[in-house]
């Protein structure tokens, strides 16, 4: 089992959501903050946060399953 990496959950889907949010933010700044641009940015930001939370939770569940498996195998050193 390899050591836990904090960024193993950050994949292409996360990267795409972050890029979409960055583009919307830049567009909002250049458009003098009109209501539609602000709403678009907020929506992209919400979407990015939900994707990141879901990916982090999935990664945590995998790590917990691995830890539980090691505990059941009585492998104290790796546990």
C-alpha atoms as a PDB file:
ATOM      1  CA  UNK A   1       0.000   0.000   0.000  1.00  0.00           C
ATOM      2  CA  UNK A   2       1.430   3.362  -0.975  1.00  0.00           C
ATOM      3  CA  UNK A   3       1.267   6.410   1.307  1.00  0.00           C
ATOM      4  CA  UNK A   4      -1.782   8.611   1.150  1.00  0.00           C
ATOM      5  CA  UNK A   5      -1.437  11.485  -1.288  1.00  0.00           C
ATOM      6  CA  UNK A   6      -3.620  14.500  -0.609  1.00  0.00           C
ATOM      7  CA  UNK A   7      -4.219  15.138  -4.282  1.00  0.00           C
ATOM      8  CA  UNK A   8      -5.133  11.653  -5.475  1.00  0.00           C
ATOM      9  CA  UNK A   9      -8.754  12.723  -5.660  1.00  0.00           C
ATOM     10  CA  UNK A  10      -8.070  15.672  -8.000  1.00  0.00           C
ATOM     11  CA  UNK A  11      -8.659  14.333 -11.513  1.00  0.00           C
ATOM     12  CA  UNK A  12      -9.650  15.630 -14.943  1.00  0.00           C
ATOM     13  CA  UNK A  13     -13.259  16.266 -13.922  1.00  0.00           C
ATOM     14  CA  UNK A  14     -12.077  18.451 -11.031  1.00  0.00           C
ATOM     15  CA  UNK A  15      -9.627  20.255 -13.289  1.00  0.00           C
ATOM     16  CA  UNK A  16     -12.357  20.995 -15.858  1.00  0.00           C
ATOM     17  CA  UNK A  17     -14.718  22.352 -13.183  1.00  0.00           C
ATOM     18  CA  UNK A  18     -11.969  24.585 -11.806  1.00  0.00           C
ATOM     19  CA  UNK A  19     -11.134  25.915 -15.266  1.00  0.00           C
ATOM     20  CA  UNK A  20     -14.836  26.652 -15.952  1.00  0.00           C
ATOM     21  CA  UNK A  21     -15.063  28.566 -12.681  1.00  0.00           C
ATOM     22  CA  UNK A  22     -11.894  30.549 -13.444  1.00  0.00           C
ATOM     23  CA  UNK A  23     -13.216  31.504 -16.893  1.00  0.00           C
ATOM     24  CA  UNK A  24     -16.543  32.606 -15.413  1.00  0.00           C
ATOM     25  CA  UNK A  25     -14.739  34.675 -12.777  1.00  0.00           C
ATOM     26  CA  UNK A  26     -12.579  36.401 -15.364  1.00  0.00           C
ATOM     27  CA  UNK A  27     -15.645  37.059 -17.527  1.00  0.00           C
ATOM     28  CA  UNK A  28     -17.480  38.494 -14.505  1.00  0.00           C
ATOM     29  CA  UNK A  29     -14.588  40.832 -13.718  1.00  0.00           C
ATOM     30  CA  UNK A  30     -14.399  42.074 -17.287  1.00  0.00           C
ATOM     31  CA  UNK A  31     -18.172  42.535 -17.572  1.00  0.00           C
ATOM     32  CA  UNK A  32     -18.433  44.981 -14.675  1.00  0.00           C
ATOM     33  CA  UNK A  33     -20.301  42.457 -12.537  1.00  0.00           C
ATOM     34  CA  UNK A  34     -23.652  42.298 -14.305  1.00  0.00           C
ATOM     35  CA  UNK A  35     -26.257  40.149 -12.613  1.00  0.00           C
ATOM     36  CA  UNK A  36     -26.183  37.410 -15.216  1.00  0.00           C
ATOM     37  CA  UNK A  37     -22.382  37.121 -15.068  1.00  0.00           C
ATOM     38  CA  UNK A  38     -22.441  37.031 -11.278  1.00  0.00           C
ATOM     39  CA  UNK A  39     -25.077  34.275 -11.296  1.00  0.00           C
ATOM     40  CA  UNK A  40     -23.118  32.307 -13.875  1.00  0.00           C
ATOM     41  CA  UNK A  41     -19.995  32.546 -11.702  1.00  0.00           C
ATOM     42  CA  UNK A  42     -21.895  31.503  -8.574  1.00  0.00           C
ATOM     43  CA  UNK A  43     -23.345  28.493 -10.380  1.00  0.00           C
ATOM     44  CA  UNK A  44     -19.912  27.394 -11.641  1.00  0.00           C
ATOM     45  CA  UNK A  45     -18.491  27.861  -8.147  1.00  0.00           C
ATOM     46  CA  UNK A  46     -21.240  25.721  -6.589  1.00  0.00           C
ATOM     47  CA  UNK A  47     -20.695  23.028  -9.198  1.00  0.00           C
ATOM     48  CA  UNK A  48     -16.938  23.028  -8.562  1.00  0.00           C
ATOM     49  CA  UNK A  49     -17.418  22.745  -4.800  1.00  0.00           C
ATOM     50  CA  UNK A  50     -19.844  19.832  -5.079  1.00  0.00           C
ATOM     51  CA  UNK A  51     -17.521  17.960  -7.450  1.00  0.00           C
ATOM     52  CA  UNK A  52     -14.532  18.509  -5.157  1.00  0.00           C
ATOM     53  CA  UNK A  53     -16.478  17.448  -2.065  1.00  0.00           C
ATOM     54  CA  UNK A  54     -17.720  14.296  -3.802  1.00  0.00           C
ATOM     55  CA  UNK A  55     -14.232  13.341  -4.993  1.00  0.00           C
ATOM     56  CA  UNK A  56     -12.694  13.948  -1.557  1.00  0.00           C
ATOM     57  CA  UNK A  57     -15.401  11.851   0.078  1.00  0.00           C
ATOM     58  CA  UNK A  58     -14.865   9.006  -2.401  1.00  0.00           C
ATOM     59  CA  UNK A  59     -11.109   9.081  -1.713  1.00  0.00           C
ATOM     60  CA  UNK A  60     -11.694   9.076   2.045  1.00  0.00           C
ATOM     61  CA  UNK A  61     -13.981   6.053   1.721  1.00  0.00           C
ATOM     62  CA  UNK A  62     -11.311   4.162  -0.245  1.00  0.00           C
ATOM     63  CA  UNK A  63      -8.700   4.976   2.404  1.00  0.00           C
ATOM     64  CA  UNK A  64     -11.053   3.871   5.184  1.00  0.00           C
ATOM     65  CA  UNK A  65     -11.771   0.594   3.402  1.00  0.00           C
ATOM     66  CA  UNK A  66      -8.033  -0.062   3.011  1.00  0.00           C
ATOM     67  CA  UNK A  67      -7.414   0.716   6.677  1.00  0.00           C
ATOM     68  CA  UNK A  68     -10.270  -1.542   7.727  1.00  0.00           C
ATOM     69  CA  UNK A  69      -8.905  -4.344   5.549  1.00  0.00           C
ATOM     70  CA  UNK A  70      -5.465  -4.012   7.152  1.00  0.00           C
ATOM     71  CA  UNK A  71      -7.067  -4.069  10.593  1.00  0.00           C
ATOM     72  CA  UNK A  72      -8.948  -7.253   9.776  1.00  0.00           C
ATOM     73  CA  UNK A  73      -5.766  -8.859   8.468  1.00  0.00           C
ATOM     74  CA  UNK A  74      -3.996  -7.952  11.732  1.00  0.00           C
ATOM     75  CA  UNK A  75      -1.236  -6.214   9.806  1.00  0.00           C
ATOM     76  CA  UNK A  76      -0.173  -3.829  12.570  1.00  0.00           C
ATOM     77  CA  UNK A  77       2.801  -2.281  10.836  1.00  0.00           C
ATOM     78  CA  UNK A  78       0.854  -1.081   7.795  1.00  0.00           C
ATOM     79  CA  UNK A  79      -2.202  -0.278   9.876  1.00  0.00           C
END
